[in-house]
Amino acid sequence: MIFNLDNAIQSFAPLLTTLISLFFTFSVFSQYTRRRKIYQFIWGTGLLIFSVTTLFEFISEIYGWNIIMYKAYYVLIASLVAILGLGTVNLFNRRAGKYLTLYFAVLIAALIILTLNAQVDAEKLQERIVGGSAMPANVRMISPFLTIPGSIALIGGALYSWYIARRSYNLFIAIGALLVASGGGLSRFGMEWALYFLELLGVAVMYIGFIKSEDVIKKRV
């Protein structure tokens, strides 16, 4: 592997995203240690996964993709929105959260098995932003069954919370999640810049929302 200075400069966005998301992860897990709510643990796990995926993006910008890293990235990137959405469902209804956990667990297990045995398109791995394009169709077909309900739960849950309580931090979380989701969608249509930029902007907006929520909690105590 050859170090590429141009790619190193281009990788600034995913590196910054990784750093912000790691701080975000630490903050959520710190909240969990104080309050012991299961949804906080699930959110923290999802954010940790997000940190790992953006770290992979940073590494790929400098050294390129290899098959092992790409397979791990694909499973994680397809699962993280589902996990974040699962945290939101558990916030509102633990019973529904248990059913959704089973649903996601089965799909993620199937995704892992299929990904381990998948024939990755090595030529696609030479592209700057690969997304899921290097995976065969039988693997890619599972992803929407994770990302779509996960996105609906995460974004819809934040919007519903804002509607009920009129707390601005819920809007920040909803908008941030929508920005991250939009980045992946736009990159599939040739707008490669959108993935890294909107991941960075989205996680920053979500983190601001979280900090605002912490301020509200402190005022109540």
C-alpha atoms as a PDB file:
ATOM      1  CA  MET A   1       0.000   0.000   0.000  1.00  0.00           C
ATOM      2  CA  ILE A   2       1.310   3.454  -0.964  1.00  0.00           C
ATOM      3  CA  PHE A   3       0.696   6.541   1.134  1.00  0.00           C
ATOM      4  CA  ASN A   4      -1.108   9.193  -0.923  1.00  0.00           C
ATOM      5  CA  LEU A   5      -0.901  12.797   0.318  1.00  0.00           C
ATOM      6  CA  ASP A   6      -3.870  13.967  -1.782  1.00  0.00           C
ATOM      7  CA  ASN A   7      -6.069  11.249  -0.314  1.00  0.00           C
ATOM      8  CA  ALA A   8      -4.801  12.126   3.160  1.00  0.00           C
ATOM      9  CA  ILE A   9      -6.039  15.696   2.678  1.00  0.00           C
ATOM     10  CA  GLN A  10      -9.392  14.450   1.297  1.00  0.00           C
ATOM     11  CA  SER A  11      -9.759  12.183   4.328  1.00  0.00           C
ATOM     12  CA  PHE A  12      -9.920  15.128   6.749  1.00  0.00           C
ATOM     13  CA  ALA A  13     -13.732  14.988   6.828  1.00  0.00           C
ATOM     14  CA  PRO A  14     -14.085  11.301   7.874  1.00  0.00           C
ATOM     15  CA  LEU A  15     -11.258  11.730  10.391  1.00  0.00           C
ATOM     16  CA  LEU A  16     -13.003  14.718  11.978  1.00  0.00           C
ATOM     17  CA  THR A  17     -16.278  12.783  11.895  1.00  0.00           C
ATOM     18  CA  THR A  18     -14.573   9.911  13.730  1.00  0.00           C
ATOM     19  CA  LEU A  19     -13.262  12.220  16.449  1.00  0.00           C
ATOM     20  CA  ILE A  20     -16.630  13.932  16.975  1.00  0.00           C
ATOM     21  CA  SER A  21     -18.509  10.633  17.027  1.00  0.00           C
ATOM     22  CA  LEU A  22     -16.040   9.205  19.569  1.00  0.00           C
ATOM     23  CA  PHE A  23     -16.686  12.167  21.880  1.00  0.00           C
ATOM     24  CA  PHE A  24     -20.410  11.663  21.267  1.00  0.00           C
ATOM     25  CA  THR A  25     -20.085   7.947  22.089  1.00  0.00           C
ATOM     26  CA  PHE A  26     -18.222   8.700  25.307  1.00  0.00           C
ATOM     27  CA  SER A  27     -20.889  11.231  26.330  1.00  0.00           C
ATOM     28  CA  VAL A  28     -23.741   8.779  25.751  1.00  0.00           C
ATOM     29  CA  PHE A  29     -22.027   5.947  27.627  1.00  0.00           C
ATOM     30  CA  SER A  30     -21.257   8.378  30.463  1.00  0.00           C
ATOM     31  CA  GLN A  31     -24.965   9.186  30.619  1.00  0.00           C
ATOM     32  CA  TYR A  32     -25.701   5.460  30.681  1.00  0.00           C
ATOM     33  CA  THR A  33     -23.409   4.918  33.674  1.00  0.00           C
ATOM     34  CA  ARG A  34     -25.407   7.559  35.581  1.00  0.00           C
ATOM     35  CA  ARG A  35     -28.939   6.647  34.542  1.00  0.00           C
ATOM     36  CA  ARG A  36     -28.710   2.969  33.466  1.00  0.00           C
ATOM     37  CA  LYS A  37     -31.309   3.188  30.702  1.00  0.00           C
ATOM     38  CA  ILE A  38     -31.054   0.422  28.096  1.00  0.00           C
ATOM     39  CA  TYR A  39     -31.767   2.785  25.211  1.00  0.00           C
ATOM     40  CA  GLN A  40     -28.704   4.846  26.184  1.00  0.00           C
ATOM     41  CA  PHE A  41     -26.519   1.742  25.983  1.00  0.00           C
ATOM     42  CA  ILE A  42     -27.970   0.880  22.563  1.00  0.00           C
ATOM     43  CA  TRP A  43     -27.427   4.439  21.292  1.00  0.00           C
ATOM     44  CA  GLY A  44     -23.855   4.379  22.573  1.00  0.00           C
ATOM     45  CA  THR A  45     -23.238   1.084  20.790  1.00  0.00           C
ATOM     46  CA  GLY A  46     -24.644   2.487  17.545  1.00  0.00           C
ATOM     47  CA  LEU A  47     -22.463   5.587  17.812  1.00  0.00           C
ATOM     48  CA  LEU A  48     -19.387   3.456  18.496  1.00  0.00           C
ATOM     49  CA  ILE A  49     -20.149   1.501  15.325  1.00  0.00           C
ATOM     50  CA  PHE A  50     -20.513   4.800  13.460  1.00  0.00           C
ATOM     51  CA  SER A  51     -17.075   5.835  14.743  1.00  0.00           C
ATOM     52  CA  VAL A  52     -15.551   2.614  13.430  1.00  0.00           C
ATOM     53  CA  THR A  53     -17.158   2.997   9.984  1.00  0.00           C
ATOM     54  CA  THR A  54     -15.892   6.554   9.551  1.00  0.00           C
ATOM     55  CA  LEU A  55     -12.458   5.421  10.720  1.00  0.00           C
ATOM     56  CA  PHE A  56     -12.548   2.790   7.958  1.00  0.00           C
ATOM     57  CA  GLU A  57     -13.461   5.559   5.501  1.00  0.00           C
ATOM     58  CA  PHE A  58     -10.478   7.575   6.705  1.00  0.00           C
ATOM     59  CA  ILE A  59      -8.134   4.604   6.278  1.00  0.00           C
ATOM     60  CA  SER A  60      -9.556   3.824   2.830  1.00  0.00           C
ATOM     61  CA  GLU A  61      -8.894   7.387   1.676  1.00  0.00           C
ATOM     62  CA  ILE A  62      -5.192   6.965   2.431  1.00  0.00           C
ATOM     63  CA  TYR A  63      -4.490   3.301   1.685  1.00  0.00           C
ATOM     64  CA  GLY A  64      -7.535   2.105  -0.244  1.00  0.00           C
ATOM     65  CA  TRP A  65      -9.873  -0.751   0.608  1.00  0.00           C
ATOM     66  CA  ASN A  66      -9.007  -4.384   1.182  1.00  0.00           C
ATOM     67  CA  ILE A  67     -11.596  -7.142   1.138  1.00  0.00           C
ATOM     68  CA  ILE A  68     -11.553  -7.913   4.867  1.00  0.00           C
ATOM     69  CA  MET A  69     -11.924  -4.273   5.896  1.00  0.00           C
ATOM     70  CA  TYR A  70     -14.619  -3.706   3.284  1.00  0.00           C
ATOM     71  CA  LYS A  71     -16.683  -6.680   4.445  1.00  0.00           C
ATOM     72  CA  ALA A  72     -16.493  -5.504   8.058  1.00  0.00           C
ATOM     73  CA  TYR A  73     -17.398  -1.976   6.954  1.00  0.00           C
ATOM     74  CA  TYR A  74     -20.402  -3.152   4.973  1.00  0.00           C
ATOM     75  CA  VAL A  75     -21.902  -5.138   7.853  1.00  0.00           C
ATOM     76  CA  LEU A  76     -21.356  -2.267  10.282  1.00  0.00           C
ATOM     77  CA  ILE A  77     -22.629   0.504   8.002  1.00  0.00           C
ATOM     78  CA  ALA A  78     -25.776  -1.490   7.219  1.00  0.00           C
ATOM     79  CA  SER A  79     -26.405  -2.230  10.905  1.00  0.00           C
ATOM     80  CA  LEU A  80     -25.688   1.054  12.660  1.00  0.00           C
ATOM     81  CA  VAL A  81     -28.874   2.944  11.702  1.00  0.00           C
ATOM     82  CA  ALA A  82     -30.919  -0.089  12.730  1.00  0.00           C
ATOM     83  CA  ILE A  83     -29.196  -0.100  16.121  1.00  0.00           C
ATOM     84  CA  LEU A  84     -29.703   3.635  16.654  1.00  0.00           C
ATOM     85  CA  GLY A  85     -33.354   3.260  15.681  1.00  0.00           C
ATOM     86  CA  LEU A  86     -33.661   0.332  18.066  1.00  0.00           C
ATOM     87  CA  GLY A  87     -32.473   2.574  20.889  1.00  0.00           C
ATOM     88  CA  THR A  88     -35.228   5.067  20.099  1.00  0.00           C
ATOM     89  CA  VAL A  89     -37.902   2.351  20.054  1.00  0.00           C
ATOM     90  CA  ASN A  90     -36.693   1.141  23.462  1.00  0.00           C
ATOM     91  CA  LEU A  91     -37.026   4.693  24.744  1.00  0.00           C
ATOM     92  CA  PHE A  92     -40.758   4.659  23.976  1.00  0.00           C
ATOM     93  CA  ASN A  93     -41.725   1.011  24.406  1.00  0.00           C
ATOM     94  CA  ARG A  94     -39.556  -1.768  25.853  1.00  0.00           C
ATOM     95  CA  ARG A  95     -41.853  -4.545  24.603  1.00  0.00           C
ATOM     96  CA  ALA A  96     -41.748  -3.241  21.021  1.00  0.00           C
ATOM     97  CA  GLY A  97     -37.984  -2.911  21.464  1.00  0.00           C
ATOM     98  CA  LYS A  98     -37.708  -6.628  22.297  1.00  0.00           C
ATOM     99  CA  TYR A  99     -39.561  -7.623  19.127  1.00  0.00           C
ATOM    100  CA  LEU A 100     -37.513  -5.240  17.009  1.00  0.00           C
ATOM    101  CA  THR A 101     -34.312  -6.582  18.586  1.00  0.00           C
ATOM    102  CA  LEU A 102     -35.228 -10.079  17.436  1.00  0.00           C
ATOM    103  CA  TYR A 103     -36.053  -8.831  13.928  1.00  0.00           C
ATOM    104  CA  PHE A 104     -32.765  -6.948  13.587  1.00  0.00           C
ATOM    105  CA  ALA A 105     -30.737  -9.770  15.158  1.00  0.00           C
ATOM    106  CA  VAL A 106     -31.982 -12.281  12.583  1.00  0.00           C
ATOM    107  CA  LEU A 107     -31.274  -9.909   9.687  1.00  0.00           C
ATOM    108  CA  ILE A 108     -27.828  -8.910  10.938  1.00  0.00           C
ATOM    109  CA  ALA A 109     -26.902 -12.567  11.484  1.00  0.00           C
ATOM    110  CA  ALA A 110     -28.004 -13.348   7.916  1.00  0.00           C
ATOM    111  CA  LEU A 111     -26.069 -10.334   6.643  1.00  0.00           C
ATOM    112  CA  ILE A 112     -22.896 -11.458   8.419  1.00  0.00           C
ATOM    113  CA  ILE A 113     -23.140 -14.992   7.019  1.00  0.00           C
ATOM    114  CA  LEU A 114     -23.809 -13.792   3.466  1.00  0.00           C
ATOM    115  CA  THR A 115     -21.074 -11.162   3.659  1.00  0.00           C
ATOM    116  CA  LEU A 116     -18.472 -13.642   4.882  1.00  0.00           C
ATOM    117  CA  ASN A 117     -19.185 -15.850   1.865  1.00  0.00           C
ATOM    118  CA  ALA A 118     -19.677 -13.033  -0.658  1.00  0.00           C
ATOM    119  CA  GLN A 119     -17.506 -12.563  -3.734  1.00  0.00           C
ATOM    120  CA  VAL A 120     -16.484  -8.913  -3.554  1.00  0.00           C
ATOM    121  CA  ASP A 121     -15.957  -7.022  -6.813  1.00  0.00           C
ATOM    122  CA  ALA A 122     -12.257  -6.135  -6.471  1.00  0.00           C
ATOM    123  CA  GLU A 123     -12.428  -3.567  -9.264  1.00  0.00           C
ATOM    124  CA  LYS A 124     -15.096  -1.624  -7.406  1.00  0.00           C
ATOM    125  CA  LEU A 125     -12.801  -1.432  -4.392  1.00  0.00           C
ATOM    126  CA  GLN A 126     -10.516   0.822  -6.431  1.00  0.00           C
ATOM    127  CA  GLU A 127     -13.172   3.547  -6.424  1.00  0.00           C
ATOM    128  CA  ARG A 128     -12.851   6.395  -3.937  1.00  0.00           C
ATOM    129  CA  ILE A 129     -16.267   5.849  -2.315  1.00  0.00           C
ATOM    130  CA  VAL A 130     -17.507   2.310  -2.800  1.00  0.00           C
ATOM    131  CA  GLY A 131     -20.631   2.137  -0.641  1.00  0.00           C
ATOM    132  CA  GLY A 132     -22.347  -1.189  -1.229  1.00  0.00           C
ATOM    133  CA  SER A 133     -21.576  -1.378  -4.945  1.00  0.00           C
ATOM    134  CA  ALA A 134     -18.836  -4.010  -4.530  1.00  0.00           C
ATOM    135  CA  MET A 135     -21.228  -6.444  -2.860  1.00  0.00           C
ATOM    136  CA  PRO A 136     -23.359  -8.945  -4.825  1.00  0.00           C
ATOM    137  CA  ALA A 137     -27.109  -8.376  -5.054  1.00  0.00           C
ATOM    138  CA  ASN A 138     -28.045 -11.156  -2.609  1.00  0.00           C
ATOM    139  CA  VAL A 139     -26.123  -9.327   0.137  1.00  0.00           C
ATOM    140  CA  ARG A 140     -27.263  -5.822  -0.759  1.00  0.00           C
ATOM    141  CA  MET A 141     -30.934  -6.798  -0.706  1.00  0.00           C
ATOM    142  CA  ILE A 142     -30.822  -7.193   3.097  1.00  0.00           C
ATOM    143  CA  SER A 143     -29.557  -3.698   3.805  1.00  0.00           C
ATOM    144  CA  PRO A 144     -32.855  -1.806   3.198  1.00  0.00           C
ATOM    145  CA  PHE A 145     -34.654  -4.055   5.702  1.00  0.00           C
ATOM    146  CA  LEU A 146     -32.250  -2.702   8.321  1.00  0.00           C
ATOM    147  CA  THR A 147     -31.695   0.884   7.261  1.00  0.00           C
ATOM    148  CA  ILE A 148     -35.261   1.863   6.349  1.00  0.00           C
ATOM    149  CA  PRO A 149     -37.006   0.820   9.618  1.00  0.00           C
ATOM    150  CA  GLY A 150     -33.974   2.040  11.578  1.00  0.00           C
ATOM    151  CA  SER A 151     -34.141   5.472   9.933  1.00  0.00           C
ATOM    152  CA  ILE A 152     -37.910   5.692  10.416  1.00  0.00           C
ATOM    153  CA  ALA A 153     -37.556   4.840  14.104  1.00  0.00           C
ATOM    154  CA  LEU A 154     -34.640   7.203  14.740  1.00  0.00           C
ATOM    155  CA  ILE A 155     -35.862  10.218  12.786  1.00  0.00           C
ATOM    156  CA  GLY A 156     -39.561   9.632  13.435  1.00  0.00           C
ATOM    157  CA  GLY A 157     -38.951   9.106  17.141  1.00  0.00           C
ATOM    158  CA  ALA A 158     -37.016  12.356  17.445  1.00  0.00           C
ATOM    159  CA  LEU A 159     -39.717  14.273  15.554  1.00  0.00           C
ATOM    160  CA  TYR A 160     -42.456  12.727  17.684  1.00  0.00           C
ATOM    161  CA  SER A 161     -40.580  13.692  20.858  1.00  0.00           C
ATOM    162  CA  TRP A 162     -40.279  17.252  19.563  1.00  0.00           C
ATOM    163  CA  TYR A 163     -43.991  17.336  18.749  1.00  0.00           C
ATOM    164  CA  ILE A 164     -44.916  16.156  22.241  1.00  0.00           C
ATOM    165  CA  ALA A 165     -42.456  18.175  24.317  1.00  0.00           C
ATOM    166  CA  ARG A 166     -41.419  20.985  21.925  1.00  0.00           C
ATOM    167  CA  ARG A 167     -37.787  20.559  22.973  1.00  0.00           C
ATOM    168  CA  SER A 168     -35.412  21.960  20.333  1.00  0.00           C
ATOM    169  CA  TYR A 169     -32.792  19.279  20.946  1.00  0.00           C
ATOM    170  CA  ASN A 170     -35.101  16.655  19.431  1.00  0.00           C
ATOM    171  CA  LEU A 171     -35.139  18.632  16.186  1.00  0.00           C
ATOM    172  CA  PHE A 172     -31.343  18.730  16.170  1.00  0.00           C
ATOM    173  CA  ILE A 173     -31.223  14.946  16.540  1.00  0.00           C
ATOM    174  CA  ALA A 174     -33.817  14.412  13.804  1.00  0.00           C
ATOM    175  CA  ILE A 175     -32.113  16.792  11.380  1.00  0.00           C
ATOM    176  CA  GLY A 176     -28.686  15.325  12.094  1.00  0.00           C
ATOM    177  CA  ALA A 177     -29.903  11.773  11.496  1.00  0.00           C
ATOM    178  CA  LEU A 178     -31.589  12.886   8.276  1.00  0.00           C
ATOM    179  CA  LEU A 179     -28.365  14.507   7.066  1.00  0.00           C
ATOM    180  CA  VAL A 180     -26.369  11.311   7.686  1.00  0.00           C
ATOM    181  CA  ALA A 181     -28.987   9.207   5.895  1.00  0.00           C
ATOM    182  CA  SER A 182     -29.091  11.678   2.986  1.00  0.00           C
ATOM    183  CA  GLY A 183     -25.325  11.479   2.537  1.00  0.00           C
ATOM    184  CA  GLY A 184     -25.461   7.761   1.838  1.00  0.00           C
ATOM    185  CA  GLY A 185     -28.385   8.188  -0.533  1.00  0.00           C
ATOM    186  CA  LEU A 186     -26.826  11.022  -2.539  1.00  0.00           C
ATOM    187  CA  SER A 187     -23.498   9.194  -2.892  1.00  0.00           C
ATOM    188  CA  ARG A 188     -25.314   6.393  -4.739  1.00  0.00           C
ATOM    189  CA  PHE A 189     -26.317   8.941  -7.394  1.00  0.00           C
ATOM    190  CA  GLY A 190     -22.779  10.094  -8.116  1.00  0.00           C
ATOM    191  CA  MET A 191     -22.578  12.870  -5.510  1.00  0.00           C
ATOM    192  CA  GLU A 192     -19.590  11.326  -3.736  1.00  0.00           C
ATOM    193  CA  TRP A 193     -18.765  14.494  -1.802  1.00  0.00           C
ATOM    194  CA  ALA A 194     -22.103  14.225  -0.017  1.00  0.00           C
ATOM    195  CA  LEU A 195     -21.278  11.099   2.007  1.00  0.00           C
ATOM    196  CA  TYR A 196     -18.329  12.467   3.998  1.00  0.00           C
ATOM    197  CA  PHE A 197     -19.628  16.021   4.233  1.00  0.00           C
ATOM    198  CA  LEU A 198     -23.120  15.089   5.416  1.00  0.00           C
ATOM    199  CA  GLU A 199     -21.812  12.430   7.813  1.00  0.00           C
ATOM    200  CA  LEU A 200     -19.669  15.132   9.424  1.00  0.00           C
ATOM    201  CA  LEU A 201     -22.428  17.737   9.491  1.00  0.00           C
ATOM    202  CA  GLY A 202     -25.042  15.222  10.629  1.00  0.00           C
ATOM    203  CA  VAL A 203     -23.127  13.805  13.582  1.00  0.00           C
ATOM    204  CA  ALA A 204     -22.144  17.337  14.683  1.00  0.00           C
ATOM    205  CA  VAL A 205     -25.795  18.461  14.639  1.00  0.00           C
ATOM    206  CA  MET A 206     -26.878  15.334  16.538  1.00  0.00           C
ATOM    207  CA  TYR A 207     -24.172  15.903  19.146  1.00  0.00           C
ATOM    208  CA  ILE A 208     -25.343  19.494  19.639  1.00  0.00           C
ATOM    209  CA  GLY A 209     -28.834  18.120  20.202  1.00  0.00           C
ATOM    210  CA  PHE A 210     -27.518  15.661  22.778  1.00  0.00           C
ATOM    211  CA  ILE A 211     -25.618  18.412  24.627  1.00  0.00           C
ATOM    212  CA  LYS A 212     -28.777  20.530  24.683  1.00  0.00           C
ATOM    213  CA  SER A 213     -30.707  17.575  26.131  1.00  0.00           C
ATOM    214  CA  GLU A 214     -28.076  17.197  28.874  1.00  0.00           C
ATOM    215  CA  ASP A 215     -28.520  20.866  29.772  1.00  0.00           C
ATOM    216  CA  VAL A 216     -32.285  20.340  30.120  1.00  0.00           C
ATOM    217  CA  ILE A 217     -31.732  17.281  32.355  1.00  0.00           C
ATOM    218  CA  LYS A 218     -29.310  19.212  34.596  1.00  0.00           C
ATOM    219  CA  LYS A 219     -31.831  22.019  35.058  1.00  0.00           C
ATOM    220  CA  ARG A 220     -34.433  19.495  36.203  1.00  0.00           C
ATOM    221  CA  VAL A 221     -32.121  18.029  38.860  1.00  0.00           C
END
